[in-house]
């Protein structure tokens, strides 16, 4: 088993009202056990569409996983499509019904058991994987040695079904290769120049190791992926290749292990026993959100605030009114005073501040959309930078700026 196809079922995905996060998660989990996703389909909840897509999917891959389209009503088209495709019929599965009854009982919802009873009706040829976080079970069916899994669409139901049941089942049934991956985070060098710089090293990589370039803002993640039947050998082989790479780009590497920039920062702050705080205007708390998304962040993140209004910057952070009047609120000087006030307020080693115009309208001081100043203050040293990104929509702007601020902080700490 080497190739998989994912099918997302639901008009809410096609309409753009709901984002398909399931496919990203499933593809990552499959990749980690050596199964490559070769195609992802997003389709409507129609019987013929589902059947036609299943037919295509089984021609492309050895494993087909569908998400969505499983509901408690009698007009559930996904199960009907599965039954027709596999030449099967749908019937009540007593084990699934008893599981459903227990699930409802634990939540004090036996009053709606009858309305959800249809969830316990499944194709008779299917093997059921019980859903411990919802009412729709996962159904596995087989076609000429190829497998199909049909899952509900709710992400918090999909994740445990994949991680706790489907992945272990696939690992137990098939002789799958080990997959070992490492990320090298590179900054301060354009992707095209980076590619030229490491071309000879890349061309000399062993056949079982692949390299991917993954740009994230102004950072490039080099992902090394090794596959083979011995995990220890793969780890050593990958480490050896990284050691060959580092001398070529050592001045631009900020991490050789963690993937996300906030995780890289967490590793450095924890190792050096440093504390951090944030004062955000245009990023609206995104910086604090990223930093605290890492488990254990309470060890180093002491607090953050969003003094959106100018008066709050003055009152809480002691930004000088004269500074605002002279330079405007979106300025290098205000960013610096915000960072210093934040550092004093939370008594931290490091403080970060942002002030800018996220859009869609101009700022109160007339500054253009996409303008931002941010200050990184480490002890009594500070660095202030300016970005101008009028092409980014509001949420993209907030995320990009936050990524860039943390990336710059990591770069400063690595080079200290």
Protein backbone atom coordinates (compact mmCIF):
# COMPACT_ATOMS: atom_id res chain seq x y z
CA UNK A 1 0.00 0.00 0.00
CA UNK A 2 1.68 3.18 -1.22
CA UNK A 3 -0.90 5.56 -2.69
CA UNK A 4 -3.98 7.16 -1.16
CA UNK A 5 -6.82 9.30 -2.48
CA UNK A 6 -8.86 11.62 -0.27
CA UNK A 7 -12.46 12.62 -1.00
CA UNK A 8 -14.13 15.48 0.84
CA UNK A 9 -17.91 15.36 0.54
CA UNK A 10 -20.12 18.37 1.17
CA UNK A 11 -21.58 21.44 -0.47
CA UNK A 12 -20.39 23.58 2.45
CA UNK A 13 -16.79 22.94 1.36
CA UNK A 14 -17.54 23.67 -2.30
CA UNK A 15 -19.32 26.90 -1.41
CA UNK A 16 -16.34 28.19 0.54
CA UNK A 17 -18.30 28.45 3.79
CA UNK A 18 -16.19 25.75 5.45
CA UNK A 19 -12.43 25.17 5.13
CA UNK A 20 -11.26 21.62 4.50
CA UNK A 21 -8.72 21.05 7.28
CA UNK A 22 -9.29 17.30 7.30
CA UNK A 23 -7.38 16.62 4.09
CA UNK A 24 -4.27 18.40 5.35
CA UNK A 25 -4.34 16.46 8.61
CA UNK A 26 -5.00 13.06 7.00
CA UNK A 27 -2.34 13.56 4.30
CA UNK A 28 0.23 14.40 6.98
CA UNK A 29 -0.63 11.36 9.08
CA UNK A 30 -0.48 9.05 6.07
CA UNK A 31 2.82 10.51 4.92
CA UNK A 32 4.29 9.72 8.34
CA UNK A 33 3.69 6.00 7.75
CA UNK A 34 4.88 5.98 4.17
CA UNK A 35 1.60 6.39 2.28
CA UNK A 36 1.51 9.21 -0.26
CA UNK A 37 -1.68 11.09 -1.10
CA UNK A 38 -1.79 11.34 -4.89
CA UNK A 39 -5.14 13.09 -5.33
CA UNK A 40 -7.68 15.05 -3.27
CA UNK A 41 -11.25 15.49 -4.51
CA UNK A 42 -13.92 17.84 -3.15
CA UNK A 43 -17.37 16.84 -4.33
CA UNK A 44 -21.08 17.45 -3.72
CA UNK A 45 -23.24 15.14 -1.63
CA UNK A 46 -24.87 13.39 -4.58
CA UNK A 47 -25.04 9.61 -5.00
CA UNK A 48 -23.84 9.45 -8.61
CA UNK A 49 -21.06 11.96 -7.96
CA UNK A 50 -19.83 9.98 -4.97
CA UNK A 51 -19.93 6.68 -6.91
CA UNK A 52 -18.12 8.13 -9.93
CA UNK A 53 -15.44 9.67 -7.72
CA UNK A 54 -14.94 6.40 -5.83
CA UNK A 55 -14.44 4.64 -9.16
CA UNK A 56 -11.75 7.13 -10.19
CA UNK A 57 -10.15 7.03 -6.74
CA UNK A 58 -9.73 3.26 -6.72
CA UNK A 59 -8.01 3.44 -10.09
CA UNK A 60 -5.54 6.01 -8.71
CA UNK A 61 -4.74 4.58 -5.30
CA UNK A 62 -4.70 1.61 -2.95
CA UNK A 63 -6.45 3.48 -0.13
CA UNK A 64 -9.47 5.78 -0.38
CA UNK A 65 -10.61 7.93 2.55
CA UNK A 66 -13.78 9.99 2.45
CA UNK A 67 -14.83 12.61 4.98
CA UNK A 68 -18.24 14.22 5.36
CA UNK A 69 -21.68 13.40 4.11
CA UNK A 70 -22.61 11.13 7.02
CA UNK A 71 -25.70 12.36 8.85
CA UNK A 72 -28.49 11.07 11.11
CA UNK A 73 -31.24 11.42 8.50
CA UNK A 74 -32.74 8.80 6.21
CA UNK A 75 -31.61 10.69 3.12
CA UNK A 76 -27.92 10.13 3.92
CA UNK A 77 -26.57 9.83 0.40
CA UNK A 78 -23.03 8.79 1.24
CA UNK A 79 -23.99 5.45 2.77
CA UNK A 80 -26.39 4.80 -0.09
CA UNK A 81 -23.63 5.55 -2.57
CA UNK A 82 -21.25 3.20 -0.73
CA UNK A 83 -23.84 0.42 -0.70
CA UNK A 84 -24.50 0.79 -4.43
CA UNK A 85 -20.80 1.07 -5.32
CA UNK A 86 -19.86 -2.05 -3.33
CA UNK A 87 -23.02 -3.91 -4.41
CA UNK A 88 -24.20 -4.08 -0.81
CA UNK A 89 -27.22 -3.21 1.32
CA UNK A 90 -27.66 -1.14 4.47
CA UNK A 91 -28.84 -2.69 7.72
CA UNK A 92 -28.88 -1.98 11.45
CA UNK A 93 -25.64 -2.96 13.16
CA UNK A 94 -26.43 -3.88 16.77
CA UNK A 95 -22.88 -3.28 18.03
CA UNK A 96 -22.88 0.21 16.53
CA UNK A 97 -26.36 0.91 17.90
CA UNK A 98 -25.32 -0.14 21.42
CA UNK A 99 -22.24 2.06 21.14
CA UNK A 100 -24.44 4.96 20.00
CA UNK A 101 -26.83 4.33 22.89
CA UNK A 102 -23.95 4.40 25.38
CA UNK A 103 -22.58 7.57 23.81
CA UNK A 104 -25.97 9.29 24.14
CA UNK A 105 -26.47 8.01 27.67
CA UNK A 106 -23.16 9.44 28.87
CA UNK A 107 -24.20 12.83 27.55
CA UNK A 108 -27.74 12.68 28.92
CA UNK A 109 -29.23 12.74 25.41
CA UNK A 110 -31.17 9.48 25.24
CA UNK A 111 -34.17 11.61 24.29
CA UNK A 112 -32.74 12.00 20.78
CA UNK A 113 -31.54 8.40 20.38
CA UNK A 114 -34.34 7.48 17.96
CA UNK A 115 -33.58 10.48 15.78
CA UNK A 116 -29.95 9.34 15.56
CA UNK A 117 -30.66 5.63 15.17
CA UNK A 118 -30.01 5.87 11.45
CA UNK A 119 -26.32 6.36 12.27
CA UNK A 120 -26.23 2.69 13.31
CA UNK A 121 -27.38 1.56 9.86
CA UNK A 122 -24.29 0.66 7.82
CA UNK A 123 -23.40 -1.37 4.71
CA UNK A 124 -23.38 -5.03 5.73
CA UNK A 125 -19.97 -5.69 4.15
CA UNK A 126 -18.32 -2.91 6.12
CA UNK A 127 -16.10 -3.18 9.20
CA UNK A 128 -17.10 -0.47 11.65
CA UNK A 129 -14.65 1.67 13.60
CA UNK A 130 -16.66 3.21 16.43
CA UNK A 131 -16.63 6.98 16.83
CA UNK A 132 -15.98 7.95 20.47
CA UNK A 133 -16.45 11.67 19.86
CA UNK A 134 -19.59 11.74 17.73
CA UNK A 135 -22.56 9.75 16.47
CA UNK A 136 -21.47 8.78 12.92
CA UNK A 137 -19.23 5.67 12.79
CA UNK A 138 -16.34 5.10 10.42
CA UNK A 139 -16.93 2.33 7.87
CA UNK A 140 -14.15 0.35 6.19
CA UNK A 141 -14.84 -1.56 2.99
CA UNK A 142 -12.58 -3.54 0.69
CA UNK A 143 -12.35 -3.86 -3.08
CA UNK A 144 -9.83 -6.24 -4.65
CA UNK A 145 -7.41 -5.78 -1.77
CA UNK A 146 -7.84 -2.00 -1.76
CA UNK A 147 -9.41 -0.27 1.23
CA UNK A 148 -12.01 2.45 1.63
CA UNK A 149 -12.67 4.36 4.85
CA UNK A 150 -15.71 6.62 5.22
CA UNK A 151 -15.46 9.11 8.07
CA UNK A 152 -17.67 11.91 9.39
CA UNK A 153 -16.62 15.43 8.48
CA UNK A 154 -16.20 17.06 11.90
CA UNK A 155 -12.43 17.57 12.44
CA UNK A 156 -12.44 16.72 16.16
CA UNK A 157 -14.05 13.39 15.24
CA UNK A 158 -11.78 12.74 12.25
CA UNK A 159 -8.50 13.22 14.12
CA UNK A 160 -8.90 10.50 16.79
CA UNK A 161 -10.38 8.08 14.26
CA UNK A 162 -7.33 8.53 12.04
CA UNK A 163 -4.65 8.62 14.74
CA UNK A 164 -6.03 6.07 17.21
CA UNK A 165 -7.70 3.54 14.92
CA UNK A 166 -7.02 3.82 11.19
CA UNK A 167 -3.26 4.47 11.29
CA UNK A 168 -2.60 1.60 13.77
CA UNK A 169 -4.78 -0.70 11.64
CA UNK A 170 -2.86 0.14 8.46
CA UNK A 171 0.48 -0.31 10.23
CA UNK A 172 -0.58 -3.68 11.58
CA UNK A 173 -1.96 -5.01 8.33
CA UNK A 174 0.62 -3.78 5.82
CA UNK A 175 4.40 -3.83 5.70
CA UNK A 176 4.95 -0.10 5.58
CA UNK A 177 8.28 1.70 5.40
CA UNK A 178 9.42 4.00 8.16
CA UNK A 179 9.34 7.69 7.31
CA UNK A 180 11.69 10.14 9.03
CA UNK A 181 11.53 13.87 8.41
CA UNK A 182 13.61 16.86 9.48
CA UNK A 183 13.11 20.59 8.92
CA UNK A 184 15.93 23.10 8.45
CA UNK A 185 14.66 26.68 8.76
CA UNK A 186 16.51 29.21 6.63
CA UNK A 187 16.15 33.02 6.64
CA UNK A 188 17.83 35.97 4.93
CA UNK A 189 18.32 34.32 1.55
CA UNK A 190 15.90 34.20 -1.43
CA UNK A 191 14.66 30.74 -2.36
CA UNK A 192 16.23 30.86 -5.83
CA UNK A 193 19.67 31.76 -4.45
CA UNK A 194 19.29 29.15 -1.73
CA UNK A 195 18.56 26.51 -4.39
CA UNK A 196 21.68 27.48 -6.33
CA UNK A 197 23.81 27.46 -3.20
CA UNK A 198 22.87 23.92 -2.17
CA UNK A 199 22.37 22.43 -5.65
CA UNK A 200 25.40 20.11 -5.55
CA UNK A 201 24.45 18.86 -2.08
CA UNK A 202 20.84 18.28 -3.17
CA UNK A 203 21.86 16.35 -6.29
CA UNK A 204 24.09 14.10 -4.17
CA UNK A 205 21.31 13.11 -1.74
CA UNK A 206 20.71 9.34 -1.44
CA UNK A 207 17.78 8.01 -3.49
CA UNK A 208 15.69 7.34 -0.38
CA UNK A 209 15.89 10.98 0.80
CA UNK A 210 13.84 13.72 -0.83
CA UNK A 211 14.05 17.49 -0.37
CA UNK A 212 11.19 19.99 -0.43
CA UNK A 213 11.29 23.80 -0.34
CA UNK A 214 8.47 25.23 1.76
CA UNK A 215 8.36 29.06 1.86
CA UNK A 216 6.61 30.56 4.90
CA UNK A 217 6.60 34.34 4.75
CA UNK A 218 10.25 35.31 4.44
CA UNK A 219 11.50 31.99 5.82
CA UNK A 220 12.23 28.89 3.76
CA UNK A 221 11.77 25.49 5.36
CA UNK A 222 13.91 22.74 3.85
CA UNK A 223 12.16 19.47 4.52
CA UNK A 224 14.23 16.29 4.32
CA UNK A 225 12.14 13.12 4.10
CA UNK A 226 13.81 9.73 4.33
CA UNK A 227 12.11 6.36 3.86
CA UNK A 228 13.32 2.84 4.59
CA UNK A 229 12.82 -0.27 6.70
CA UNK A 230 15.13 0.70 9.57
CA UNK A 231 14.17 3.78 11.58
CA UNK A 232 17.51 4.16 13.39
CA UNK A 233 19.46 4.06 10.14
CA UNK A 234 17.11 6.67 8.62
CA UNK A 235 17.65 9.05 11.54
CA UNK A 236 21.43 8.75 11.32
CA UNK A 237 21.38 9.05 7.53
CA UNK A 238 19.32 12.24 7.73
CA UNK A 239 21.56 13.73 10.41
CA UNK A 240 24.62 13.02 8.29
CA UNK A 241 23.10 14.88 5.34
CA UNK A 242 22.18 17.86 7.53
CA UNK A 243 25.76 18.09 8.78
CA UNK A 244 26.93 18.22 5.15
CA UNK A 245 24.40 20.99 4.43
CA UNK A 246 25.05 23.31 7.37
CA UNK A 247 28.50 24.62 6.30
CA UNK A 248 26.94 25.80 3.03
CA UNK A 249 24.28 28.01 4.67
CA UNK A 250 25.31 28.22 8.33
CA UNK A 251 24.78 32.00 8.57
CA UNK A 252 21.16 31.65 7.44
CA UNK A 253 20.01 28.67 9.51
CA UNK A 254 17.90 29.41 12.58
CA UNK A 255 16.78 25.85 13.45
CA UNK A 256 17.36 22.24 12.43
CA UNK A 257 14.57 20.51 14.32
CA UNK A 258 11.28 22.29 15.00
CA UNK A 259 8.88 23.16 12.20
CA UNK A 260 6.79 26.12 13.36
CA UNK A 261 8.54 29.38 14.16
CA UNK A 262 6.74 29.64 17.51
CA UNK A 263 8.08 26.20 18.46
CA UNK A 264 11.59 27.26 17.50
CA UNK A 265 11.19 30.31 19.72
CA UNK A 266 9.87 28.17 22.57
CA UNK A 267 12.95 25.96 22.41
CA UNK A 268 15.30 28.96 22.61
CA UNK A 269 13.42 30.77 25.40
CA UNK A 270 13.19 27.62 27.49
CA UNK A 271 16.85 26.76 27.00
CA UNK A 272 17.99 30.28 27.95
CA UNK A 273 15.40 30.81 30.68
CA UNK A 274 14.09 34.02 29.10
CA UNK A 275 10.65 35.59 29.54
CA UNK A 276 8.59 37.46 26.94
CA UNK A 277 5.57 39.77 26.67
CA UNK A 278 3.64 41.42 23.83
CA UNK A 279 1.92 44.74 23.12
CA UNK A 280 -0.04 44.55 19.89
CA UNK A 281 -2.11 46.98 17.95
CA UNK A 282 -2.42 46.02 14.27
CA UNK A 283 -1.82 42.30 14.91
CA UNK A 284 -4.75 42.16 17.34
CA UNK A 285 -3.34 39.49 19.64
CA UNK A 286 -2.05 37.17 16.91
CA UNK A 287 1.49 37.33 18.34
CA UNK A 288 0.30 36.24 21.77
CA UNK A 289 -1.88 33.56 20.19
CA UNK A 290 1.06 32.09 18.28
CA UNK A 291 3.39 32.14 21.26
CA UNK A 292 0.86 30.54 23.63
CA UNK A 293 -0.13 27.87 21.10
CA UNK A 294 2.96 25.93 22.17
CA UNK A 295 2.57 23.61 25.13
CA UNK A 296 4.52 24.87 28.15
CA UNK A 297 4.47 28.51 27.02
CA UNK A 298 3.44 29.61 30.52
CA UNK A 299 7.08 29.12 31.53
CA UNK A 300 8.21 32.06 29.43
CA UNK A 301 5.16 34.05 28.27
CA UNK A 302 4.14 36.34 31.13
CA UNK A 303 1.41 38.30 29.39
CA UNK A 304 0.22 40.31 26.46
CA UNK A 305 -2.16 43.12 25.67
CA UNK A 306 -3.91 44.74 22.72
CA UNK A 307 -3.98 48.50 23.35
CA UNK A 308 -5.85 49.21 20.12
CA UNK A 309 -6.90 52.75 20.94
CA UNK A 310 -4.22 55.44 21.00
CA UNK A 311 -5.37 56.58 24.45
CA UNK A 312 -4.76 53.09 25.84
CA UNK A 313 -1.22 53.09 24.44
CA UNK A 314 -0.65 56.33 26.30
CA UNK A 315 -2.39 55.39 29.54
CA UNK A 316 -1.28 51.76 29.97
CA UNK A 317 2.09 51.65 28.18
CA UNK A 318 3.19 55.19 28.94
CA UNK A 319 3.59 56.10 25.29
CA UNK A 320 4.22 59.85 25.20
CA UNK A 321 1.41 61.98 23.79
CA UNK A 322 4.06 64.27 22.38
CA UNK A 323 5.55 61.32 20.48
CA UNK A 324 2.17 60.48 18.99
CA UNK A 325 1.51 64.11 18.04
CA UNK A 326 4.92 64.51 16.44
CA UNK A 327 5.35 61.16 14.66
CA UNK A 328 1.75 59.75 14.55
CA UNK A 329 0.63 56.53 16.24
CA UNK A 330 1.91 54.35 13.37
CA UNK A 331 5.58 55.15 13.69
CA UNK A 332 8.94 53.79 14.67
CA UNK A 333 8.97 55.94 17.80
CA UNK A 334 5.59 54.74 19.07
CA UNK A 335 6.54 51.09 18.44
CA UNK A 336 9.67 51.61 20.54
CA UNK A 337 7.81 53.24 23.41
CA UNK A 338 5.16 50.51 23.33
CA UNK A 339 7.85 47.80 23.62
CA UNK A 340 9.57 49.55 26.50
CA UNK A 341 6.28 50.14 28.31
CA UNK A 342 5.30 46.49 27.79
CA UNK A 343 8.64 45.24 29.10
CA UNK A 344 8.25 47.39 32.22
CA UNK A 345 4.60 46.41 32.72
CA UNK A 346 5.21 42.66 32.62
CA UNK A 347 8.84 42.74 33.84
CA UNK A 348 10.13 40.48 31.06
CA UNK A 349 13.48 39.95 29.39
CA UNK A 350 11.93 40.41 25.95
CA UNK A 351 9.01 42.46 24.67
CA UNK A 352 7.44 42.72 21.22
CA UNK A 353 5.28 45.54 19.92
CA UNK A 354 3.34 46.20 16.71
CA UNK A 355 1.59 49.32 15.42
CA UNK A 356 0.22 49.62 11.93
CA UNK A 357 -2.74 49.61 9.56
CA UNK A 358 -4.25 46.18 8.83
CA UNK A 359 -7.02 47.63 6.63
CA UNK A 360 -9.32 47.66 4.81
CA UNK A 361 -9.45 51.40 5.60
CA UNK A 362 -6.60 53.82 6.23
CA UNK A 363 -5.39 54.42 9.77
CA UNK A 364 -6.60 57.26 11.97
CA UNK A 365 -3.39 59.14 11.18
CA UNK A 366 -3.74 58.66 7.43
CA UNK A 367 -1.04 56.00 7.06
CA UNK A 368 -1.45 53.65 4.11
CA UNK A 369 -2.97 50.22 4.48
CA UNK A 370 -0.28 47.60 5.00
CA UNK A 371 2.11 49.86 6.91
CA UNK A 372 3.48 48.44 10.14
CA UNK A 373 6.29 49.21 12.56
CA UNK A 374 7.39 46.60 15.09
CA UNK A 375 9.97 46.64 17.85
CA UNK A 376 11.83 43.72 19.38
CA UNK A 377 13.31 44.62 22.76
CA UNK A 378 15.79 42.20 24.36
CA UNK A 379 16.90 43.42 27.79
CA UNK A 380 17.92 47.04 27.09
CA UNK A 381 18.61 46.54 23.38
CA UNK A 382 15.95 47.09 20.72
CA UNK A 383 15.52 46.69 17.00
CA UNK A 384 12.69 48.40 15.14
CA UNK A 385 11.62 47.48 11.62
CA UNK A 386 9.07 48.61 9.06
CA UNK A 387 6.99 46.55 6.65
CA UNK A 388 4.70 47.69 3.86
CA UNK A 389 2.34 45.06 2.48
CA UNK A 390 -0.72 46.72 0.93
CA UNK A 391 -1.50 43.60 -1.10
CA UNK A 392 -2.40 41.46 1.92
CA UNK A 393 -5.94 41.15 3.23
CA UNK A 394 -6.49 41.97 6.88
CA UNK A 395 -6.16 38.48 8.42
CA UNK A 396 -3.28 37.53 6.13
CA UNK A 397 -1.54 40.78 7.09
CA UNK A 398 -1.91 40.07 10.82
CA UNK A 399 -0.57 36.54 10.43
CA UNK A 400 2.34 37.55 8.17
CA UNK A 401 3.47 40.32 10.50
CA UNK A 402 3.31 38.04 13.52
CA UNK A 403 5.30 35.33 11.75
CA UNK A 404 7.90 37.92 10.70
CA UNK A 405 8.25 39.43 14.19
CA UNK A 406 8.84 36.04 15.80
CA UNK A 407 11.19 35.04 12.99
CA UNK A 408 13.24 38.20 13.48
CA UNK A 409 13.35 37.61 17.23
CA UNK A 410 14.61 34.05 16.69
CA UNK A 411 17.28 35.37 14.32
CA UNK A 412 18.44 37.92 16.87
CA UNK A 413 18.61 35.35 19.66
CA UNK A 414 20.44 32.79 17.52
CA UNK A 415 23.07 35.34 16.58
CA UNK A 416 23.62 36.71 20.09
